[in-house]
């Protein structure tokens, strides 16, 4: 059960890092004059968004497992 809490904490930390990366890419996208740089940042932002979606799914899975354990009366 403690592993699920660790997993959720790791997911939250990874999400925070990805959000920082996304904000940086977004800033570079809007401040860049180069069309090549804008395309690179757009692709980077899409990749980060995909990773964030994957993390959301993993977090939902971990929370669901925790709720099942709680509902079954397994002690934390």
Protein backbone atom coordinates (compact mmCIF):
# COMPACT_ATOMS: atom_id res chain seq x y z
CA UNK A 1 0.00 0.00 0.00
CA UNK A 2 2.86 2.37 0.79
CA UNK A 3 4.13 1.74 -2.73
CA UNK A 4 0.94 3.28 -4.12
CA UNK A 5 1.48 6.41 -2.03
CA UNK A 6 5.08 6.61 -3.26
CA UNK A 7 3.92 6.10 -6.83
CA UNK A 8 1.35 8.89 -6.52
CA UNK A 9 3.97 11.21 -4.99
CA UNK A 10 6.39 10.39 -7.83
CA UNK A 11 3.66 11.06 -10.38
CA UNK A 12 2.95 14.44 -8.78
CA UNK A 13 6.65 15.36 -8.85
CA UNK A 14 6.98 14.29 -12.47
CA UNK A 15 3.85 16.26 -13.36
CA UNK A 16 5.31 19.41 -11.77
CA UNK A 17 8.52 18.97 -13.78
CA UNK A 18 6.59 18.46 -17.02
CA UNK A 19 4.49 21.56 -16.33
CA UNK A 20 7.68 23.59 -15.88
CA UNK A 21 9.00 22.22 -19.17
CA UNK A 22 5.70 23.00 -20.86
CA UNK A 23 5.72 26.60 -19.61
CA UNK A 24 9.28 27.04 -20.82
CA UNK A 25 8.42 25.64 -24.26
CA UNK A 26 5.32 27.83 -24.40
CA UNK A 27 7.35 30.92 -23.54
CA UNK A 28 9.91 30.09 -26.24
CA UNK A 29 7.09 29.43 -28.71
CA UNK A 30 5.53 32.85 -28.19
CA UNK A 31 8.80 34.81 -28.02
CA UNK A 32 10.59 33.18 -30.93
CA UNK A 33 10.79 34.83 -34.33
CA UNK A 34 11.98 31.65 -36.01
CA UNK A 35 9.32 29.48 -37.61
CA UNK A 36 11.59 26.47 -37.12
CA UNK A 37 11.83 27.18 -33.37
CA UNK A 38 8.05 27.65 -33.17
CA UNK A 39 7.51 24.27 -34.84
CA UNK A 40 9.99 22.60 -32.48
CA UNK A 41 8.33 24.13 -29.43
CA UNK A 42 4.85 23.20 -30.69
CA UNK A 43 5.97 19.57 -31.07
CA UNK A 44 7.62 19.70 -27.67
CA UNK A 45 4.43 21.05 -26.10
CA UNK A 46 2.37 18.29 -27.73
CA UNK A 47 4.81 15.65 -26.47
CA UNK A 48 4.67 17.07 -22.94
CA UNK A 49 0.86 17.16 -23.05
CA UNK A 50 0.84 13.50 -24.08
CA UNK A 51 3.12 12.64 -21.15
CA UNK A 52 0.85 14.60 -18.79
CA UNK A 53 -2.15 12.64 -20.07
CA UNK A 54 -0.27 9.37 -19.45
CA UNK A 55 0.58 10.48 -15.92
CA UNK A 56 -3.06 11.35 -15.28
CA UNK A 57 -4.05 7.83 -16.33
CA UNK A 58 -1.36 6.27 -14.09
CA UNK A 59 -2.49 8.38 -11.15
CA UNK A 60 -6.12 7.37 -11.68
CA UNK A 61 -5.05 3.70 -11.77
CA UNK A 62 -3.06 4.04 -8.53
CA UNK A 63 -5.93 5.87 -6.82
CA UNK A 64 -8.37 3.23 -7.98
CA UNK A 65 -6.16 0.48 -6.52
CA UNK A 66 -5.95 2.37 -3.23
CA UNK A 67 -9.71 2.83 -3.10
CA UNK A 68 -10.22 -0.89 -3.79
CA UNK A 69 -7.87 -1.76 -0.94
CA UNK A 70 -9.65 0.64 1.41
CA UNK A 71 -13.04 -0.74 0.37
CA UNK A 72 -11.82 -4.28 1.00
CA UNK A 73 -10.62 -3.29 4.45
CA UNK A 74 -6.90 -3.69 3.84
CA UNK A 75 -5.02 -1.65 6.40
CA UNK A 76 -2.82 1.21 5.22
